[in-house]
Amino acid sequence: KRMMAAVGNHVAKLHRTKIGQYTMPENLKEGEWCWLYPQDLQLLSKSVDAPLV
């Protein structure tokens, strides 16, 4: 929102659909959560170049 405001644009609402290489389930509603499976954690780990502990 701040980046867009810096160039004169207004953002009323953001919706995250992806974190790094991990794509969130389409049926996940605002405020809901889901379990992450080992393959999901691998994708997130690659996104930040950090090993899983």
PDB file of N, CA and C in Angstrom:
ATOM      1  N   LYS A   1       0.822  -1.192   0.000  1.00  0.00           N
ATOM      2  CA  LYS A   1       0.000   0.000   0.000  1.00  0.00           C
ATOM      3  C   LYS A   1       0.864   1.254   0.000  1.00  0.00           C
ATOM      4  N   ARG A   2       1.926   1.224   0.798  1.00  0.00           N
ATOM      5  CA  ARG A   2       2.796   2.414   0.877  1.00  0.00           C
ATOM      6  C   ARG A   2       3.538   2.646  -0.433  1.00  0.00           C
ATOM      7  N   MET A   3       3.956   1.574  -1.097  1.00  0.00           N
ATOM      8  CA  MET A   3       4.652   1.746  -2.388  1.00  0.00           C
ATOM      9  C   MET A   3       3.724   2.394  -3.406  1.00  0.00           C
ATOM     10  N   MET A   4       2.472   1.952  -3.439  1.00  0.00           N
ATOM     11  CA  MET A   4       1.520   2.528  -4.385  1.00  0.00           C
ATOM     12  C   MET A   4       1.201   3.977  -4.011  1.00  0.00           C
ATOM     13  N   ALA A   5       1.088   4.249  -2.719  1.00  0.00           N
ATOM     14  CA  ALA A   5       0.811   5.618  -2.268  1.00  0.00           C
ATOM     15  C   ALA A   5       1.960   6.551  -2.636  1.00  0.00           C
ATOM     16  N   ALA A   6       3.180   6.034  -2.630  1.00  0.00           N
ATOM     17  CA  ALA A   6       4.350   6.851  -2.956  1.00  0.00           C
ATOM     18  C   ALA A   6       4.305   7.371  -4.389  1.00  0.00           C
ATOM     19  N   VAL A   7       3.598   6.662  -5.273  1.00  0.00           N
ATOM     20  CA  VAL A   7       3.488   7.118  -6.661  1.00  0.00           C
ATOM     21  C   VAL A   7       2.090   7.665  -6.969  1.00  0.00           C
ATOM     22  N   GLY A   8       1.348   7.986  -5.884  1.00  0.00           N
ATOM     23  CA  GLY A   8       0.068   8.659  -6.062  1.00  0.00           C
ATOM     24  C   GLY A   8      -1.137   7.764  -6.262  1.00  0.00           C
ATOM     25  N   ASN A   9      -1.012   6.482  -6.007  1.00  0.00           N
ATOM     26  CA  ASN A   9      -2.151   5.570  -6.161  1.00  0.00           C
ATOM     27  C   ASN A   9      -2.672   5.137  -4.796  1.00  0.00           C
ATOM     28  N   HIS A  10      -3.968   4.863  -4.714  1.00  0.00           N
ATOM     29  CA  HIS A  10      -4.591   4.427  -3.464  1.00  0.00           C
ATOM     30  C   HIS A  10      -4.968   2.951  -3.572  1.00  0.00           C
ATOM     31  N   VAL A  11      -4.611   2.170  -2.569  1.00  0.00           N
ATOM     32  CA  VAL A  11      -4.983   0.754  -2.507  1.00  0.00           C
ATOM     33  C   VAL A  11      -5.907   0.588  -1.314  1.00  0.00           C
ATOM     34  N   ALA A  12      -7.136   0.147  -1.570  1.00  0.00           N
ATOM     35  CA  ALA A  12      -8.105  -0.020  -0.491  1.00  0.00           C
ATOM     36  C   ALA A  12      -7.937  -1.369   0.199  1.00  0.00           C
ATOM     37  N   LYS A  13      -7.584  -2.407  -0.564  1.00  0.00           N
ATOM     38  CA  LYS A  13      -7.509  -3.743   0.021  1.00  0.00           C
ATOM     39  C   LYS A  13      -6.548  -4.606  -0.789  1.00  0.00           C
ATOM     40  N   LEU A  14      -5.778  -5.424  -0.080  1.00  0.00           N
ATOM     41  CA  LEU A  14      -4.867  -6.364  -0.728  1.00  0.00           C
ATOM     42  C   LEU A  14      -5.304  -7.784  -0.414  1.00  0.00           C
ATOM     43  N   HIS A  15      -5.072  -8.686  -1.352  1.00  0.00           N
ATOM     44  CA  HIS A  15      -5.399 -10.100  -1.149  1.00  0.00           C
ATOM     45  C   HIS A  15      -4.195 -10.926  -1.572  1.00  0.00           C
ATOM     46  N   ARG A  16      -3.575 -11.614  -0.615  1.00  0.00           N
ATOM     47  CA  ARG A  16      -2.387 -12.419  -0.913  1.00  0.00           C
ATOM     48  C   ARG A  16      -2.826 -13.776  -1.457  1.00  0.00           C
ATOM     49  N   THR A  17      -2.296 -14.150  -2.617  1.00  0.00           N
ATOM     50  CA  THR A  17      -2.611 -15.447  -3.208  1.00  0.00           C
ATOM     51  C   THR A  17      -1.390 -16.345  -3.288  1.00  0.00           C
ATOM     52  N   LYS A  18      -0.216 -15.758  -3.113  1.00  0.00           N
ATOM     53  CA  LYS A  18       1.013 -16.513  -3.275  1.00  0.00           C
ATOM     54  C   LYS A  18       2.075 -15.973  -2.322  1.00  0.00           C
ATOM     55  N   ILE A  19       2.854 -16.888  -1.752  1.00  0.00           N
ATOM     56  CA  ILE A  19       3.995 -16.513  -0.920  1.00  0.00           C
ATOM     57  C   ILE A  19       5.189 -17.244  -1.501  1.00  0.00           C
ATOM     58  N   GLY A  20       6.074 -16.512  -2.157  1.00  0.00           N
ATOM     59  CA  GLY A  20       7.189 -17.167  -2.841  1.00  0.00           C
ATOM     60  C   GLY A  20       6.653 -18.095  -3.911  1.00  0.00           C
ATOM     61  N   GLN A  21       7.060 -19.354  -3.872  1.00  0.00           N
ATOM     62  CA  GLN A  21       6.587 -20.338  -4.848  1.00  0.00           C
ATOM     63  C   GLN A  21       5.316 -21.044  -4.391  1.00  0.00           C
ATOM     64  N   TYR A  22       4.906 -20.822  -3.140  1.00  0.00           N
ATOM     65  CA  TYR A  22       3.720 -21.481  -2.587  1.00  0.00           C
ATOM     66  C   TYR A  22       2.471 -20.691  -2.959  1.00  0.00           C
ATOM     67  N   THR A  23       1.522 -21.353  -3.614  1.00  0.00           N
ATOM     68  CA  THR A  23       0.246 -20.740  -3.958  1.00  0.00           C
ATOM     69  C   THR A  23      -0.793 -21.182  -2.938  1.00  0.00           C
ATOM     70  N   MET A  24      -1.455 -20.224  -2.336  1.00  0.00           N
ATOM     71  CA  MET A  24      -2.449 -20.531  -1.313  1.00  0.00           C
ATOM     72  C   MET A  24      -3.697 -21.129  -1.953  1.00  0.00           C
ATOM     73  N   PRO A  25      -4.412 -22.011  -1.223  1.00  0.00           N
ATOM     74  CA  PRO A  25      -5.628 -22.621  -1.774  1.00  0.00           C
ATOM     75  C   PRO A  25      -6.656 -21.559  -2.163  1.00  0.00           C
ATOM     76  N   GLU A  26      -7.291 -21.747  -3.313  1.00  0.00           N
ATOM     77  CA  GLU A  26      -8.262 -20.763  -3.805  1.00  0.00           C
ATOM     78  C   GLU A  26      -9.485 -20.663  -2.905  1.00  0.00           C
ATOM     79  N   ASN A  27      -9.828 -21.761  -2.212  1.00  0.00           N
ATOM     80  CA  ASN A  27     -11.036 -21.752  -1.379  1.00  0.00           C
ATOM     81  C   ASN A  27     -10.774 -21.233   0.036  1.00  0.00           C
ATOM     82  N   LEU A  28      -9.564 -20.752   0.309  1.00  0.00           N
ATOM     83  CA  LEU A  28      -9.213 -20.217   1.624  1.00  0.00           C
ATOM     84  C   LEU A  28      -9.789 -18.810   1.755  1.00  0.00           C
ATOM     85  N   LYS A  29     -10.726 -18.657   2.693  1.00  0.00           N
ATOM     86  CA  LYS A  29     -11.383 -17.364   2.867  1.00  0.00           C
ATOM     87  C   LYS A  29     -10.582 -16.469   3.806  1.00  0.00           C
ATOM     88  N   GLU A  30     -10.880 -15.181   3.781  1.00  0.00           N
ATOM     89  CA  GLU A  30     -10.199 -14.210   4.635  1.00  0.00           C
ATOM     90  C   GLU A  30     -10.325 -14.620   6.103  1.00  0.00           C
ATOM     91  N   GLY A  31      -9.200 -14.641   6.806  1.00  0.00           N
ATOM     92  CA  GLY A  31      -9.190 -15.009   8.216  1.00  0.00           C
ATOM     93  C   GLY A  31      -9.052 -16.495   8.472  1.00  0.00           C
ATOM     94  N   GLU A  32      -9.187 -17.325   7.438  1.00  0.00           N
ATOM     95  CA  GLU A  32      -9.040 -18.769   7.603  1.00  0.00           C
ATOM     96  C   GLU A  32      -7.577 -19.162   7.497  1.00  0.00           C
ATOM     97  N   TRP A  33      -7.282 -20.368   7.913  1.00  0.00           N
ATOM     98  CA  TRP A  33      -5.926 -20.897   7.830  1.00  0.00           C
ATOM     99  C   TRP A  33      -6.007 -22.319   7.300  1.00  0.00           C
ATOM    100  N   CYS A  34      -4.877 -22.858   6.908  1.00  0.00           N
ATOM    101  CA  CYS A  34      -4.829 -24.248   6.454  1.00  0.00           C
ATOM    102  C   CYS A  34      -3.514 -24.868   6.911  1.00  0.00           C
ATOM    103  N   TRP A  35      -3.517 -26.181   7.018  1.00  0.00           N
ATOM    104  CA  TRP A  35      -2.296 -26.896   7.369  1.00  0.00           C
ATOM    105  C   TRP A  35      -1.317 -26.824   6.219  1.00  0.00           C
ATOM    106  N   LEU A  36      -0.040 -26.751   6.531  1.00  0.00           N
ATOM    107  CA  LEU A  36       0.999 -26.811   5.511  1.00  0.00           C
ATOM    108  C   LEU A  36       1.598 -28.211   5.532  1.00  0.00           C
ATOM    109  N   TYR A  37       1.685 -28.805   4.377  1.00  0.00           N
ATOM    110  CA  TYR A  37       2.252 -30.139   4.234  1.00  0.00           C
ATOM    111  C   TYR A  37       3.743 -30.015   3.945  1.00  0.00           C
ATOM    112  N   PRO A  38       4.500 -31.105   4.101  1.00  0.00           N
ATOM    113  CA  PRO A  38       5.948 -31.035   3.877  1.00  0.00           C
ATOM    114  C   PRO A  38       6.331 -30.401   2.539  1.00  0.00           C
ATOM    115  N   GLN A  39       5.599 -30.720   1.475  1.00  0.00           N
ATOM    116  CA  GLN A  39       5.935 -30.135   0.166  1.00  0.00           C
ATOM    117  C   GLN A  39       5.692 -28.621   0.156  1.00  0.00           C
ATOM    118  N   ASP A  40       4.692 -28.158   0.918  1.00  0.00           N
ATOM    119  CA  ASP A  40       4.441 -26.715   1.032  1.00  0.00           C
ATOM    120  C   ASP A  40       5.600 -26.032   1.754  1.00  0.00           C
ATOM    121  N   LEU A  41       6.065 -26.659   2.827  1.00  0.00           N
ATOM    122  CA  LEU A  41       7.186 -26.101   3.588  1.00  0.00           C
ATOM    123  C   LEU A  41       8.452 -26.045   2.740  1.00  0.00           C
ATOM    124  N   GLN A  42       8.644 -27.044   1.882  1.00  0.00           N
ATOM    125  CA  GLN A  42       9.807 -27.040   0.983  1.00  0.00           C
ATOM    126  C   GLN A  42       9.754 -25.821   0.061  1.00  0.00           C
ATOM    127  N   LEU A  43       8.579 -25.541  -0.498  1.00  0.00           N
ATOM    128  CA  LEU A  43       8.434 -24.382  -1.387  1.00  0.00           C
ATOM    129  C   LEU A  43       8.717 -23.077  -0.646  1.00  0.00           C
ATOM    130  N   LEU A  44       8.192 -22.953   0.568  1.00  0.00           N
ATOM    131  CA  LEU A  44       8.430 -21.738   1.351  1.00  0.00           C
ATOM    132  C   LEU A  44       9.901 -21.603   1.719  1.00  0.00           C
ATOM    133  N   SER A  45      10.533 -22.718   2.028  1.00  0.00           N
ATOM    134  CA  SER A  45      11.950 -22.711   2.385  1.00  0.00           C
ATOM    135  C   SER A  45      12.803 -22.231   1.211  1.00  0.00           C
ATOM    136  N   LYS A  46      12.458 -22.675  -0.001  1.00  0.00           N
ATOM    137  CA  LYS A  46      13.190 -22.239  -1.198  1.00  0.00           C
ATOM    138  C   LYS A  46      13.024 -20.738  -1.423  1.00  0.00           C
ATOM    139  N   SER A  47      11.857 -20.213  -1.076  1.00  0.00           N
ATOM    140  CA  SER A  47      11.563 -18.799  -1.300  1.00  0.00           C
ATOM    141  C   SER A  47      12.478 -17.883  -0.508  1.00  0.00           C
ATOM    142  N   VAL A  48      12.910 -18.336   0.663  1.00  0.00           N
ATOM    143  CA  VAL A  48      13.760 -17.497   1.505  1.00  0.00           C
ATOM    144  C   VAL A  48      15.185 -18.030   1.582  1.00  0.00           C
ATOM    145  N   ASP A  49      15.466 -19.061   0.801  1.00  0.00           N
ATOM    146  CA  ASP A  49      16.794 -19.674   0.756  1.00  0.00           C
ATOM    147  C   ASP A  49      17.272 -20.049   2.159  1.00  0.00           C
ATOM    148  N   ALA A  50      16.394 -20.748   2.896  1.00  0.00           N
ATOM    149  CA  ALA A  50      16.729 -21.168   4.257  1.00  0.00           C
ATOM    150  C   ALA A  50      16.393 -22.646   4.425  1.00  0.00           C
ATOM    151  N   PRO A  51      17.219 -23.380   5.149  1.00  0.00           N
ATOM    152  CA  PRO A  51      16.931 -24.800   5.359  1.00  0.00           C
ATOM    153  C   PRO A  51      15.778 -24.988   6.345  1.00  0.00           C
ATOM    154  N   LEU A  52      15.065 -26.098   6.193  1.00  0.00           N
ATOM    155  CA  LEU A  52      14.039 -26.446   7.173  1.00  0.00           C
ATOM    156  C   LEU A  52      14.723 -26.977   8.414  1.00  0.00           C
ATOM    157  N   VAL A  53      14.207 -26.643   9.552  1.00  0.00           N
ATOM    158  CA  VAL A  53      14.811 -27.107  10.803  1.00  0.00           C
ATOM    159  C   VAL A  53      13.960 -28.179  11.423  1.00  0.00           C
TER     160      VAL A  53
END
